[in-house]
All heavy atoms as atom14 arrays in JSON, in Angstrom:
{
  "sequence": "QENGERFLLPFEYIIENLTTSPMLNYFKNSIIITVGVLIPLLLISF",
  "atom14_mask": [
    [1, 1, 1, 1, 1, 1, 1, 1, 1, 0, 0, 0, 0, 0],
    [1, 1, 1, 1, 1, 1, 1, 1, 1, 0, 0, 0, 0, 0],
    [1, 1, 1, 1, 1, 1, 1, 1, 0, 0, 0, 0, 0, 0],
    [1, 1, 1, 1, 0, 0, 0, 0, 0, 0, 0, 0, 0, 0],
    [1, 1, 1, 1, 1, 1, 1, 1, 1, 0, 0, 0, 0, 0],
    [1, 1, 1, 1, 1, 1, 1, 1, 1, 1, 1, 0, 0, 0],
    [1, 1, 1, 1, 1, 1, 1, 1, 1, 1, 1, 0, 0, 0],
    [1, 1, 1, 1, 1, 1, 1, 1, 0, 0, 0, 0, 0, 0],
    [1, 1, 1, 1, 1, 1, 1, 1, 0, 0, 0, 0, 0, 0],
    [1, 1, 1, 1, 1, 1, 1, 0, 0, 0, 0, 0, 0, 0],
    [1, 1, 1, 1, 1, 1, 1, 1, 1, 1, 1, 0, 0, 0],
    [1, 1, 1, 1, 1, 1, 1, 1, 1, 0, 0, 0, 0, 0],
    [1, 1, 1, 1, 1, 1, 1, 1, 1, 1, 1, 1, 0, 0],
    [1, 1, 1, 1, 1, 1, 1, 1, 0, 0, 0, 0, 0, 0],
    [1, 1, 1, 1, 1, 1, 1, 1, 0, 0, 0, 0, 0, 0],
    [1, 1, 1, 1, 1, 1, 1, 1, 1, 0, 0, 0, 0, 0],
    [1, 1, 1, 1, 1, 1, 1, 1, 0, 0, 0, 0, 0, 0],
    [1, 1, 1, 1, 1, 1, 1, 1, 0, 0, 0, 0, 0, 0],
    [1, 1, 1, 1, 1, 1, 1, 0, 0, 0, 0, 0, 0, 0],
    [1, 1, 1, 1, 1, 1, 1, 0, 0, 0, 0, 0, 0, 0],
    [1, 1, 1, 1, 1, 1, 0, 0, 0, 0, 0, 0, 0, 0],
    [1, 1, 1, 1, 1, 1, 1, 0, 0, 0, 0, 0, 0, 0],
    [1, 1, 1, 1, 1, 1, 1, 1, 0, 0, 0, 0, 0, 0],
    [1, 1, 1, 1, 1, 1, 1, 1, 0, 0, 0, 0, 0, 0],
    [1, 1, 1, 1, 1, 1, 1, 1, 0, 0, 0, 0, 0, 0],
    [1, 1, 1, 1, 1, 1, 1, 1, 1, 1, 1, 1, 0, 0],
    [1, 1, 1, 1, 1, 1, 1, 1, 1, 1, 1, 0, 0, 0],
    [1, 1, 1, 1, 1, 1, 1, 1, 1, 0, 0, 0, 0, 0],
    [1, 1, 1, 1, 1, 1, 1, 1, 0, 0, 0, 0, 0, 0],
    [1, 1, 1, 1, 1, 1, 0, 0, 0, 0, 0, 0, 0, 0],
    [1, 1, 1, 1, 1, 1, 1, 1, 0, 0, 0, 0, 0, 0],
    [1, 1, 1, 1, 1, 1, 1, 1, 0, 0, 0, 0, 0, 0],
    [1, 1, 1, 1, 1, 1, 1, 1, 0, 0, 0, 0, 0, 0],
    [1, 1, 1, 1, 1, 1, 1, 0, 0, 0, 0, 0, 0, 0],
    [1, 1, 1, 1, 1, 1, 1, 0, 0, 0, 0, 0, 0, 0],
    [1, 1, 1, 1, 0, 0, 0, 0, 0, 0, 0, 0, 0, 0],
    [1, 1, 1, 1, 1, 1, 1, 0, 0, 0, 0, 0, 0, 0],
    [1, 1, 1, 1, 1, 1, 1, 1, 0, 0, 0, 0, 0, 0],
    [1, 1, 1, 1, 1, 1, 1, 1, 0, 0, 0, 0, 0, 0],
    [1, 1, 1, 1, 1, 1, 1, 0, 0, 0, 0, 0, 0, 0],
    [1, 1, 1, 1, 1, 1, 1, 1, 0, 0, 0, 0, 0, 0],
    [1, 1, 1, 1, 1, 1, 1, 1, 0, 0, 0, 0, 0, 0],
    [1, 1, 1, 1, 1, 1, 1, 1, 0, 0, 0, 0, 0, 0],
    [1, 1, 1, 1, 1, 1, 1, 1, 0, 0, 0, 0, 0, 0],
    [1, 1, 1, 1, 1, 1, 0, 0, 0, 0, 0, 0, 0, 0],
    [1, 1, 1, 1, 1, 1, 1, 1, 1, 1, 1, 0, 0, 0]
  ],
  "atom14_positions": [
    [[38.35, 9.82, 33.1], [39.05, 11.02, 32.56], [40.01, 11.61, 33.59], [40.98, 12.22, 33.35], [38.03, 12.08, 32.06], [37.36, 11.69, 30.74], [36.35, 12.71, 30.23], [36.34, 13.74, 30.77], [35.64, 12.41, 29.25], [0.0, 0.0, 0.0], [0.0, 0.0, 0.0], [0.0, 0.0, 0.0], [0.0, 0.0, 0.0], [0.0, 0.0, 0.0]],
    [[39.57, 11.58, 34.91], [40.39, 12.05, 35.95], [41.64, 11.24, 36.07], [42.63, 11.83, 36.49], [39.6, 12.04, 37.28], [38.38, 13.01, 37.32], [37.62, 12.84, 38.59], [38.01, 12.02, 39.45], [36.67, 13.67, 38.83], [0.0, 0.0, 0.0], [0.0, 0.0, 0.0], [0.0, 0.0, 0.0], [0.0, 0.0, 0.0], [0.0, 0.0, 0.0]],
    [[41.63, 10.02, 35.7], [42.8, 9.15, 35.72], [43.58, 9.16, 34.46], [44.51, 8.37, 34.27], [42.37, 7.7, 36.11], [41.75, 7.6, 37.45], [42.04, 8.32, 38.36], [40.87, 6.63, 37.61], [0.0, 0.0, 0.0], [0.0, 0.0, 0.0], [0.0, 0.0, 0.0], [0.0, 0.0, 0.0], [0.0, 0.0, 0.0], [0.0, 0.0, 0.0]],
    [[43.23, 10.06, 33.55], [44.0, 10.14, 32.24], [43.39, 9.21, 31.21], [43.98, 9.21, 30.11], [0.0, 0.0, 0.0], [0.0, 0.0, 0.0], [0.0, 0.0, 0.0], [0.0, 0.0, 0.0], [0.0, 0.0, 0.0], [0.0, 0.0, 0.0], [0.0, 0.0, 0.0], [0.0, 0.0, 0.0], [0.0, 0.0, 0.0], [0.0, 0.0, 0.0]],
    [[42.38, 8.5, 31.42], [41.76, 7.54, 30.46], [40.62, 8.3, 29.72], [39.93, 9.23, 30.34], [41.28, 6.33, 31.11], [42.39, 5.47, 31.75], [41.88, 4.28, 32.43], [40.61, 4.0, 32.28], [42.54, 3.57, 33.13], [0.0, 0.0, 0.0], [0.0, 0.0, 0.0], [0.0, 0.0, 0.0], [0.0, 0.0, 0.0], [0.0, 0.0, 0.0]],
    [[40.31, 7.9, 28.55], [39.29, 8.57, 27.81], [38.36, 7.55, 27.14], [38.92, 6.82, 26.33], [39.96, 9.54, 26.8], [38.9, 10.33, 25.99], [39.62, 11.36, 25.05], [38.73, 12.02, 24.23], [37.93, 13.05, 24.57], [38.11, 13.51, 25.74], [37.18, 13.7, 23.71], [0.0, 0.0, 0.0], [0.0, 0.0, 0.0], [0.0, 0.0, 0.0]],
    [[37.19, 7.59, 27.41], [36.19, 6.73, 26.75], [34.82, 7.52, 26.58], [34.22, 7.94, 27.52], [35.84, 5.47, 27.61], [34.69, 4.65, 27.13], [34.92, 3.82, 25.98], [33.48, 4.66, 27.7], [33.82, 3.09, 25.49], [32.38, 3.91, 27.16], [32.64, 3.13, 26.11], [0.0, 0.0, 0.0], [0.0, 0.0, 0.0], [0.0, 0.0, 0.0]],
    [[34.46, 7.79, 25.37], [33.32, 8.58, 25.04], [32.26, 7.77, 24.48], [32.49, 6.94, 23.64], [33.78, 9.7, 24.0], [34.79, 10.73, 24.53], [35.13, 11.71, 23.46], [34.36, 11.4, 25.79], [0.0, 0.0, 0.0], [0.0, 0.0, 0.0], [0.0, 0.0, 0.0], [0.0, 0.0, 0.0], [0.0, 0.0, 0.0], [0.0, 0.0, 0.0]],
    [[31.03, 8.08, 24.86], [29.85, 7.44, 24.32], [29.63, 8.07, 22.9], [30.05, 9.17, 22.65], [28.65, 7.66, 25.23], [28.74, 6.97, 26.52], [27.49, 7.34, 27.35], [28.7, 5.44, 26.3], [0.0, 0.0, 0.0], [0.0, 0.0, 0.0], [0.0, 0.0, 0.0], [0.0, 0.0, 0.0], [0.0, 0.0, 0.0], [0.0, 0.0, 0.0]],
    [[28.84, 7.45, 22.02], [28.54, 8.01, 20.69], [27.93, 9.34, 20.74], [28.12, 10.2, 19.93], [27.6, 6.94, 20.11], [27.93, 5.66, 20.75], [28.3, 6.02, 22.12], [0.0, 0.0, 0.0], [0.0, 0.0, 0.0], [0.0, 0.0, 0.0], [0.0, 0.0, 0.0], [0.0, 0.0, 0.0], [0.0, 0.0, 0.0], [0.0, 0.0, 0.0]],
    [[27.15, 9.68, 21.87], [26.46, 10.96, 21.92], [27.51, 12.14, 22.0], [27.17, 13.21, 21.6], [25.56, 10.96, 23.13], [24.47, 10.01, 23.01], [24.57, 8.76, 23.77], [23.34, 10.2, 22.33], [23.52, 7.87, 23.72], [22.28, 9.31, 22.2], [22.47, 8.1, 22.94], [0.0, 0.0, 0.0], [0.0, 0.0, 0.0], [0.0, 0.0, 0.0]],
    [[28.7, 11.83, 22.49], [29.68, 12.87, 22.57], [30.2, 13.36, 21.24], [30.75, 14.43, 21.17], [30.89, 12.34, 23.41], [30.49, 11.82, 24.82], [30.02, 12.83, 25.76], [30.3, 14.08, 25.48], [29.36, 12.58, 26.74], [0.0, 0.0, 0.0], [0.0, 0.0, 0.0], [0.0, 0.0, 0.0], [0.0, 0.0, 0.0], [0.0, 0.0, 0.0]],
    [[30.0, 12.56, 20.19], [30.53, 12.77, 18.94], [29.51, 13.47, 17.97], [29.8, 13.92, 16.86], [31.03, 11.56, 18.21], [32.26, 11.02, 18.73], [32.27, 10.01, 19.73], [33.54, 11.41, 18.31], [33.37, 9.48, 20.21], [34.7, 10.88, 18.82], [34.6, 9.91, 19.75], [35.79, 9.35, 20.25], [0.0, 0.0, 0.0], [0.0, 0.0, 0.0]],
    [[28.2, 13.52, 18.36], [27.14, 13.93, 17.51], [27.36, 15.38, 17.04], [27.3, 15.65, 15.84], [25.77, 13.86, 18.27], [25.48, 12.31, 18.43], [24.69, 14.54, 17.46], [24.13, 12.14, 19.17], [0.0, 0.0, 0.0], [0.0, 0.0, 0.0], [0.0, 0.0, 0.0], [0.0, 0.0, 0.0], [0.0, 0.0, 0.0], [0.0, 0.0, 0.0]],
    [[27.69, 16.34, 17.93], [27.91, 17.67, 17.54], [29.09, 17.79, 16.61], [29.11, 18.55, 15.6], [28.04, 18.59, 18.72], [26.8, 18.56, 19.66], [28.32, 20.08, 18.29], [25.53, 19.01, 18.97], [0.0, 0.0, 0.0], [0.0, 0.0, 0.0], [0.0, 0.0, 0.0], [0.0, 0.0, 0.0], [0.0, 0.0, 0.0], [0.0, 0.0, 0.0]],
    [[30.11, 17.08, 16.92], [31.32, 17.02, 16.1], [31.02, 16.53, 14.68], [31.48, 17.15, 13.71], [32.43, 16.2, 16.75], [33.72, 16.18, 15.91], [34.73, 15.2, 16.57], [34.5, 14.83, 17.79], [35.78, 14.95, 15.91], [0.0, 0.0, 0.0], [0.0, 0.0, 0.0], [0.0, 0.0, 0.0], [0.0, 0.0, 0.0], [0.0, 0.0, 0.0]],
    [[30.16, 15.5, 14.54], [29.8, 14.94, 13.25], [29.05, 15.99, 12.43], [29.28, 16.16, 11.25], [29.0, 13.69, 13.48], [29.82, 12.5, 13.69], [31.02, 12.49, 13.44], [29.18, 11.42, 14.26], [0.0, 0.0, 0.0], [0.0, 0.0, 0.0], [0.0, 0.0, 0.0], [0.0, 0.0, 0.0], [0.0, 0.0, 0.0], [0.0, 0.0, 0.0]],
    [[28.13, 16.64, 13.1], [27.29, 17.65, 12.4], [28.1, 18.79, 11.93], [27.74, 19.47, 10.85], [26.1, 18.05, 13.32], [25.11, 17.05, 13.66], [24.08, 17.62, 14.58], [24.4, 16.43, 12.34], [0.0, 0.0, 0.0], [0.0, 0.0, 0.0], [0.0, 0.0, 0.0], [0.0, 0.0, 0.0], [0.0, 0.0, 0.0], [0.0, 0.0, 0.0]],
    [[29.22, 19.14, 12.55], [29.99, 20.33, 12.11], [31.17, 19.95, 11.28], [31.6, 20.88, 10.53], [30.54, 21.03, 13.41], [31.26, 20.06, 14.22], [29.38, 21.56, 14.23], [0.0, 0.0, 0.0], [0.0, 0.0, 0.0], [0.0, 0.0, 0.0], [0.0, 0.0, 0.0], [0.0, 0.0, 0.0], [0.0, 0.0, 0.0], [0.0, 0.0, 0.0]],
    [[31.67, 18.73, 11.33], [32.83, 18.37, 10.52], [32.54, 17.46, 9.36], [33.42, 17.12, 8.53], [33.88, 17.68, 11.39], [33.29, 16.45, 11.96], [34.28, 18.62, 12.49], [0.0, 0.0, 0.0], [0.0, 0.0, 0.0], [0.0, 0.0, 0.0], [0.0, 0.0, 0.0], [0.0, 0.0, 0.0], [0.0, 0.0, 0.0], [0.0, 0.0, 0.0]],
    [[31.24, 17.07, 9.15], [30.9, 16.21, 8.06], [29.59, 16.73, 7.39], [28.94, 17.51, 8.0], [30.78, 14.76, 8.45], [29.51, 14.68, 9.27], [0.0, 0.0, 0.0], [0.0, 0.0, 0.0], [0.0, 0.0, 0.0], [0.0, 0.0, 0.0], [0.0, 0.0, 0.0], [0.0, 0.0, 0.0], [0.0, 0.0, 0.0], [0.0, 0.0, 0.0]],
    [[29.32, 16.39, 6.12], [28.22, 16.89, 5.43], [26.9, 16.16, 5.8], [26.01, 15.96, 4.96], [28.54, 16.7, 3.92], [29.42, 15.55, 3.91], [30.23, 15.6, 5.21], [0.0, 0.0, 0.0], [0.0, 0.0, 0.0], [0.0, 0.0, 0.0], [0.0, 0.0, 0.0], [0.0, 0.0, 0.0], [0.0, 0.0, 0.0], [0.0, 0.0, 0.0]],
    [[26.76, 15.79, 7.1], [25.61, 14.96, 7.51], [24.3, 15.88, 7.4], [23.25, 15.35, 7.13], [25.8, 14.58, 9.0], [26.67, 13.35, 9.06], [26.12, 11.83, 8.34], [24.69, 11.44, 9.38], [0.0, 0.0, 0.0], [0.0, 0.0, 0.0], [0.0, 0.0, 0.0], [0.0, 0.0, 0.0], [0.0, 0.0, 0.0], [0.0, 0.0, 0.0]],
    [[24.43, 17.15, 7.65], [23.22, 17.97, 7.56], [22.71, 17.99, 6.11], [21.45, 17.96, 5.96], [23.58, 19.43, 7.99], [23.8, 19.67, 9.5], [24.15, 21.09, 9.79], [22.52, 19.29, 10.27], [0.0, 0.0, 0.0], [0.0, 0.0, 0.0], [0.0, 0.0, 0.0], [0.0, 0.0, 0.0], [0.0, 0.0, 0.0], [0.0, 0.0, 0.0]],
    [[23.58, 18.0, 5.15], [23.22, 17.88, 3.77], [22.55, 16.56, 3.47], [21.55, 16.44, 2.73], [24.36, 18.16, 2.85], [23.95, 18.22, 1.39], [23.08, 19.0, 0.95], [24.53, 17.3, 0.57], [0.0, 0.0, 0.0], [0.0, 0.0, 0.0], [0.0, 0.0, 0.0], [0.0, 0.0, 0.0], [0.0, 0.0, 0.0], [0.0, 0.0, 0.0]],
    [[23.06, 15.48, 4.04], [22.52, 14.15, 3.83], [21.14, 14.02, 4.43], [20.22, 13.49, 3.88], [23.47, 13.04, 4.46], [24.79, 13.08, 3.92], [25.85, 12.47, 4.64], [25.1, 13.59, 2.61], [27.14, 12.44, 4.1], [26.39, 13.56, 2.2], [27.41, 12.97, 2.86], [28.68, 12.94, 2.33], [0.0, 0.0, 0.0], [0.0, 0.0, 0.0]],
    [[20.99, 14.68, 5.63], [19.66, 14.74, 6.26], [18.66, 15.48, 5.42], [17.5, 15.07, 5.29], [19.77, 15.37, 7.6], [19.83, 14.38, 8.8], [21.11, 13.94, 9.21], [18.7, 13.87, 9.37], [21.28, 13.04, 10.19], [18.83, 13.01, 10.38], [20.12, 12.55, 10.86], [0.0, 0.0, 0.0], [0.0, 0.0, 0.0], [0.0, 0.0, 0.0]],
    [[19.1, 16.63, 4.77], [18.22, 17.39, 3.98], [17.74, 16.55, 2.78], [16.52, 16.57, 2.45], [18.89, 18.68, 3.48], [18.06, 19.5, 2.57], [18.99, 20.52, 1.79], [19.65, 19.75, 0.7], [20.34, 20.66, -0.29], [0.0, 0.0, 0.0], [0.0, 0.0, 0.0], [0.0, 0.0, 0.0], [0.0, 0.0, 0.0], [0.0, 0.0, 0.0]],
    [[18.63, 15.87, 2.17], [18.31, 14.96, 0.98], [17.33, 13.91, 1.43], [16.36, 13.59, 0.73], [19.56, 14.43, 0.42], [20.48, 15.4, -0.22], [19.98, 16.48, -0.7], [21.71, 15.18, -0.32], [0.0, 0.0, 0.0], [0.0, 0.0, 0.0], [0.0, 0.0, 0.0], [0.0, 0.0, 0.0], [0.0, 0.0, 0.0], [0.0, 0.0, 0.0]],
    [[17.58, 13.25, 2.54], [16.67, 12.18, 3.05], [15.26, 12.68, 3.36], [14.25, 12.07, 3.0], [17.3, 11.48, 4.26], [18.4, 10.78, 3.91], [0.0, 0.0, 0.0], [0.0, 0.0, 0.0], [0.0, 0.0, 0.0], [0.0, 0.0, 0.0], [0.0, 0.0, 0.0], [0.0, 0.0, 0.0], [0.0, 0.0, 0.0], [0.0, 0.0, 0.0]],
    [[15.23, 13.87, 3.94], [13.89, 14.44, 4.26], [13.17, 14.8, 3.07], [11.95, 14.56, 2.85], [14.11, 15.72, 5.18], [14.6, 15.24, 6.58], [12.81, 16.46, 5.33], [15.05, 16.41, 7.46], [0.0, 0.0, 0.0], [0.0, 0.0, 0.0], [0.0, 0.0, 0.0], [0.0, 0.0, 0.0], [0.0, 0.0, 0.0], [0.0, 0.0, 0.0]],
    [[13.82, 15.39, 2.06], [13.15, 15.8, 0.8], [12.66, 14.56, 0.12], [11.53, 14.53, -0.44], [14.13, 16.54, -0.12], [14.51, 17.98, 0.42], [13.55, 16.72, -1.5], [15.56, 18.71, -0.27], [0.0, 0.0, 0.0], [0.0, 0.0, 0.0], [0.0, 0.0, 0.0], [0.0, 0.0, 0.0], [0.0, 0.0, 0.0], [0.0, 0.0, 0.0]],
    [[13.49, 13.5, 0.02], [13.03, 12.22, -0.69], [11.9, 11.59, 0.11], [10.91, 11.13, -0.53], [14.29, 11.3, -0.78], [15.2, 11.86, -1.84], [13.8, 9.89, -1.27], [16.55, 11.14, -1.89], [0.0, 0.0, 0.0], [0.0, 0.0, 0.0], [0.0, 0.0, 0.0], [0.0, 0.0, 0.0], [0.0, 0.0, 0.0], [0.0, 0.0, 0.0]],
    [[11.94, 11.54, 1.36], [10.88, 10.86, 2.26], [9.6, 11.67, 1.99], [8.51, 11.0, 1.78], [11.31, 10.85, 3.7], [12.53, 10.09, 3.79], [10.2, 10.14, 4.55], [0.0, 0.0, 0.0], [0.0, 0.0, 0.0], [0.0, 0.0, 0.0], [0.0, 0.0, 0.0], [0.0, 0.0, 0.0], [0.0, 0.0, 0.0], [0.0, 0.0, 0.0]],
    [[9.56, 12.93, 2.14], [8.42, 13.76, 1.98], [7.87, 13.63, 0.55], [6.7, 13.53, 0.27], [8.63, 15.2, 2.37], [7.4, 16.05, 1.99], [8.93, 15.27, 3.86], [0.0, 0.0, 0.0], [0.0, 0.0, 0.0], [0.0, 0.0, 0.0], [0.0, 0.0, 0.0], [0.0, 0.0, 0.0], [0.0, 0.0, 0.0], [0.0, 0.0, 0.0]],
    [[8.83, 13.64, -0.38], [8.42, 13.56, -1.78], [7.82, 12.18, -2.17], [7.05, 12.08, -3.09], [0.0, 0.0, 0.0], [0.0, 0.0, 0.0], [0.0, 0.0, 0.0], [0.0, 0.0, 0.0], [0.0, 0.0, 0.0], [0.0, 0.0, 0.0], [0.0, 0.0, 0.0], [0.0, 0.0, 0.0], [0.0, 0.0, 0.0], [0.0, 0.0, 0.0]],
    [[8.22, 11.12, -1.45], [7.6, 9.83, -1.63], [6.19, 9.8, -1.0], [5.23, 9.34, -1.54], [8.47, 8.75, -1.15], [7.75, 7.38, -1.15], [9.69, 8.63, -2.05], [0.0, 0.0, 0.0], [0.0, 0.0, 0.0], [0.0, 0.0, 0.0], [0.0, 0.0, 0.0], [0.0, 0.0, 0.0], [0.0, 0.0, 0.0], [0.0, 0.0, 0.0]],
    [[6.15, 10.17, 0.33], [4.9, 10.02, 1.07], [3.67, 10.72, 0.6], [2.61, 10.18, 0.59], [5.2, 10.37, 2.58], [6.15, 9.39, 3.29], [6.26, 9.83, 4.74], [5.53, 7.99, 3.3], [0.0, 0.0, 0.0], [0.0, 0.0, 0.0], [0.0, 0.0, 0.0], [0.0, 0.0, 0.0], [0.0, 0.0, 0.0], [0.0, 0.0, 0.0]],
    [[3.89, 12.04, 0.33], [2.74, 12.9, -0.03], [2.08, 12.37, -1.3], [0.86, 12.13, -1.27], [3.18, 14.37, -0.2], [3.59, 14.91, 1.21], [2.02, 15.21, -0.83], [4.02, 16.39, 1.04], [0.0, 0.0, 0.0], [0.0, 0.0, 0.0], [0.0, 0.0, 0.0], [0.0, 0.0, 0.0], [0.0, 0.0, 0.0], [0.0, 0.0, 0.0]],
    [[2.68, 12.14, -2.44], [1.99, 11.56, -3.54], [1.45, 10.17, -3.31], [0.45, 9.8, -3.75], [3.09, 11.56, -4.68], [4.1, 12.49, -4.28], [4.08, 12.43, -2.79], [0.0, 0.0, 0.0], [0.0, 0.0, 0.0], [0.0, 0.0, 0.0], [0.0, 0.0, 0.0], [0.0, 0.0, 0.0], [0.0, 0.0, 0.0], [0.0, 0.0, 0.0]],
    [[2.24, 9.36, -2.65], [1.86, 7.98, -2.41], [0.62, 7.9, -1.55], [-0.34, 7.19, -1.9], [3.05, 7.25, -1.6], [2.74, 5.81, -1.25], [2.49, 4.92, -2.5], [3.82, 5.25, -0.36], [0.0, 0.0, 0.0], [0.0, 0.0, 0.0], [0.0, 0.0, 0.0], [0.0, 0.0, 0.0], [0.0, 0.0, 0.0], [0.0, 0.0, 0.0]],
    [[0.51, 8.62, -0.38], [-0.7, 8.6, 0.37], [-1.92, 9.24, -0.43], [-3.01, 8.6, -0.35], [-0.46, 9.49, 1.64], [0.58, 9.01, 2.62], [0.72, 10.09, 3.75], [0.24, 7.66, 3.15], [0.0, 0.0, 0.0], [0.0, 0.0, 0.0], [0.0, 0.0, 0.0], [0.0, 0.0, 0.0], [0.0, 0.0, 0.0], [0.0, 0.0, 0.0]],
    [[-1.68, 10.17, -1.15], [-2.88, 10.82, -1.89], [-3.36, 9.8, -2.94], [-4.54, 9.54, -3.05], [-2.44, 12.11, -2.51], [-3.58, 12.96, -3.08], [-4.64, 13.32, -2.09], [-3.02, 14.23, -3.74], [0.0, 0.0, 0.0], [0.0, 0.0, 0.0], [0.0, 0.0, 0.0], [0.0, 0.0, 0.0], [0.0, 0.0, 0.0], [0.0, 0.0, 0.0]],
    [[-2.44, 9.37, -3.74], [-2.87, 8.55, -4.96], [-3.41, 7.21, -4.49], [-4.5, 6.76, -4.89], [-1.65, 8.27, -5.83], [-1.26, 9.61, -6.54], [-2.0, 7.2, -6.91], [0.1, 9.46, -7.25], [0.0, 0.0, 0.0], [0.0, 0.0, 0.0], [0.0, 0.0, 0.0], [0.0, 0.0, 0.0], [0.0, 0.0, 0.0], [0.0, 0.0, 0.0]],
    [[-2.74, 6.59, -3.53], [-3.2, 5.27, -3.11], [-4.52, 5.33, -2.33], [-5.31, 4.46, -2.47], [-2.1, 4.61, -2.22], [-1.81, 5.37, -1.12], [0.0, 0.0, 0.0], [0.0, 0.0, 0.0], [0.0, 0.0, 0.0], [0.0, 0.0, 0.0], [0.0, 0.0, 0.0], [0.0, 0.0, 0.0], [0.0, 0.0, 0.0], [0.0, 0.0, 0.0]],
    [[-4.74, 6.35, -1.47], [-5.9, 6.42, -0.77], [-7.14, 6.69, -1.69], [-8.25, 6.07, -1.53], [-5.81, 7.57, 0.27], [-6.93, 7.54, 1.27], [-7.73, 6.38, 1.51], [-7.23, 8.63, 2.05], [-8.74, 6.35, 2.48], [-8.23, 8.64, 2.97], [-8.95, 7.5, 3.18], [0.0, 0.0, 0.0], [0.0, 0.0, 0.0], [0.0, 0.0, 0.0]]
  ]
}
């Protein structure tokens, strides 16, 4: 960067992704579905 070149690791984009895309909503849906599957599945199958 001091030489005018720019190379960013994926971690540099994480905050940008969370603020400029609906990833938080996608995470919410995935968490709801995962919990909704696991709780009945564990209880019924056990």
